[in-house]
Protein backbone atom coordinates (compact mmCIF):
# COMPACT_ATOMS: atom_id res chain seq x y z
CA ASP A 1 20.45 -32.48 -39.41
CA LYS A 2 17.44 -31.16 -37.58
CA ALA A 3 18.05 -28.86 -34.65
CA ILE A 4 16.88 -30.00 -31.25
CA ASN A 5 14.08 -27.86 -29.87
CA LEU A 6 14.98 -27.31 -26.22
CA SER A 7 12.26 -24.79 -25.47
CA GLY A 8 10.16 -25.77 -22.51
CA MET A 9 12.86 -28.08 -21.12
CA THR A 10 14.09 -26.51 -17.90
CA GLY A 11 17.79 -26.87 -17.14
CA VAL A 12 18.62 -28.57 -20.46
CA THR A 13 21.21 -26.89 -22.62
CA ARG A 14 22.55 -27.76 -26.00
CA SER A 15 25.94 -28.60 -24.45
CA SER A 16 24.39 -30.95 -21.86
CA VAL A 17 22.49 -32.78 -24.60
CA ARG A 18 25.70 -32.98 -26.62
CA VAL A 19 27.59 -34.45 -23.63
CA LEU A 20 24.83 -36.98 -23.04
CA TYR A 21 24.80 -37.90 -26.75
CA PHE A 22 28.53 -38.67 -26.74
CA GLN A 23 28.26 -40.64 -23.48
CA VAL A 24 25.56 -42.82 -25.02
CA LEU A 25 27.59 -43.23 -28.22
CA ASP A 26 30.72 -44.21 -26.25
CA ASN A 27 28.70 -46.74 -24.26
CA ILE A 28 27.33 -48.32 -27.45
CA LEU A 29 30.81 -48.58 -28.97
CA MET A 30 32.17 -50.26 -25.82
CA GLN A 31 29.24 -52.70 -25.76
CA ILE A 32 29.84 -53.71 -29.38
CA ASP A 33 33.23 -55.17 -28.46
CA VAL A 34 31.77 -57.07 -25.53
CA ARG A 35 28.75 -58.28 -27.44
CA PHE A 36 30.65 -59.62 -30.44
CA LYS A 37 33.88 -60.84 -28.80
CA ASP A 38 32.82 -64.48 -29.22
CA TYR A 39 31.72 -64.03 -32.81
CA SER A 40 34.65 -66.11 -34.08
CA LYS A 41 33.25 -69.08 -32.15
CA LEU A 42 30.32 -69.10 -34.59
CA GLN A 43 32.57 -69.77 -37.56
CA PHE A 44 31.04 -73.26 -37.82
CA ILE A 45 27.81 -71.71 -39.14
CA SER A 46 29.55 -71.35 -42.50
CA LEU A 47 29.46 -75.17 -42.80
CA VAL A 48 25.75 -74.98 -43.67
CA ASP A 49 25.92 -72.05 -46.11
CA PRO A 50 24.63 -73.40 -49.46
CA THR A 51 26.32 -70.56 -51.35
CA GLN A 52 29.69 -71.95 -50.20
CA PHE A 53 29.11 -75.60 -51.14
CA ILE A 54 30.97 -75.28 -54.47
CA LYS A 55 33.99 -73.79 -52.70
CA TYR A 56 33.84 -76.39 -49.92
CA GLN A 57 33.67 -79.20 -52.45
CA ARG A 58 37.20 -78.26 -53.54
CA ASN A 59 38.52 -77.13 -50.15
CA PHE A 60 36.85 -78.57 -47.05
CA PRO A 61 36.46 -75.88 -44.31
CA VAL A 62 38.66 -77.50 -41.67
CA GLY A 63 38.78 -74.41 -39.42
CA ALA A 64 35.00 -74.11 -39.24
CA PHE A 65 34.69 -77.86 -38.70
CA ASP A 66 37.19 -77.77 -35.83
CA GLN A 67 35.37 -74.79 -34.29
CA LEU A 68 32.16 -76.84 -34.29
CA GLU A 69 33.85 -79.50 -32.16
CA LYS A 70 35.11 -76.85 -29.75
CA CYS A 71 31.64 -75.32 -29.34
CA TYR A 72 29.76 -78.62 -29.24
CA PRO A 73 32.09 -81.36 -28.03
CA ASN A 74 30.71 -84.90 -28.13
CA ILE A 75 27.45 -83.82 -29.82
CA PHE A 76 28.33 -84.96 -33.32
CA ASN A 77 29.94 -88.09 -34.70
CA ARG A 78 32.83 -86.13 -36.18
CA GLN A 79 33.91 -88.56 -38.92
CA ARG A 80 30.36 -89.29 -40.02
CA LEU A 81 29.49 -85.59 -40.12
CA LYS A 82 32.57 -84.85 -42.23
CA ASN A 83 31.64 -87.63 -44.66
CA GLU A 84 28.06 -86.39 -44.88
CA LEU A 85 29.16 -82.80 -45.45
CA CYS A 86 31.59 -83.89 -48.19
CA LEU A 87 28.72 -85.73 -49.89
CA LEU A 88 26.42 -82.74 -49.45
CA TYR A 89 29.03 -80.35 -50.87
CA SER A 90 29.45 -82.63 -53.90
CA LEU A 91 25.72 -82.15 -54.60
CA ASN A 92 26.23 -78.38 -54.70
CA GLU A 93 24.18 -77.79 -57.84
CA SER A 94 21.15 -79.32 -56.15
CA TYR A 95 21.17 -76.93 -53.21
CA LYS A 96 22.88 -73.74 -54.39
CA ASP A 97 19.65 -71.69 -54.44
CA PHE A 98 18.09 -73.30 -51.35
CA SER A 99 17.58 -71.64 -47.99
CA LEU A 100 18.83 -73.43 -44.86
CA GLU A 101 15.28 -74.58 -44.12
CA GLU A 102 14.92 -76.02 -47.62
CA VAL A 103 18.24 -77.86 -47.39
CA LEU A 104 17.25 -79.29 -44.00
CA SER A 105 13.91 -80.40 -45.38
CA ALA A 106 15.66 -82.17 -48.26
CA LEU A 107 18.16 -83.78 -45.88
CA ARG A 108 15.35 -85.07 -43.67
CA GLU A 109 14.00 -87.00 -46.65
CA ASN A 110 17.27 -88.98 -46.44
CA LYS A 111 17.77 -88.79 -42.68
CA ASP A 112 19.37 -92.24 -42.55
CA VAL A 113 22.13 -90.94 -44.85
CA PHE A 114 22.38 -87.40 -43.44
CA GLU A 115 21.69 -87.98 -39.73
CA GLU A 116 24.56 -85.82 -38.41
CA SER A 117 24.00 -83.12 -41.03
CA CYS A 118 20.35 -82.87 -40.01
CA LYS A 119 21.50 -82.40 -36.44
CA LEU A 120 23.91 -79.63 -37.50
CA PHE A 121 21.38 -77.78 -39.69
CA SER A 122 18.76 -78.00 -36.94
CA ARG A 123 21.18 -76.65 -34.36
CA VAL A 124 22.21 -73.72 -36.57
CA LEU A 125 18.62 -72.85 -37.42
CA THR A 126 17.70 -72.66 -33.73
CA LEU A 127 20.55 -70.34 -32.72
CA PRO A 128 19.22 -67.06 -31.38
């Protein structure tokens, strides 16, 4: 709550700074909607969240899995990826405290078994 020192600034008044402040704030708020409007398309990222593996073992995340296909059609072998993820989720105790990089590293040791999962983890880890 510091006061703005306007001394030495010709033609600048407290009210003009206040108007400018609210214009900038309004612009930021409008940009938030634009910037994050496609956020729901990234729902598939939850597929690789090790903290959710226990939950996903009981209830496979169909919505996130379907969103992956919408965002990346024909990139993954859908049935194989689902089978691999089900297997991965059943190993939840092994990976519950792992980071995404650590899980990917472990999956790469068994790349012949987790080929599609490696592809998914790699893709998620390279998202900006």
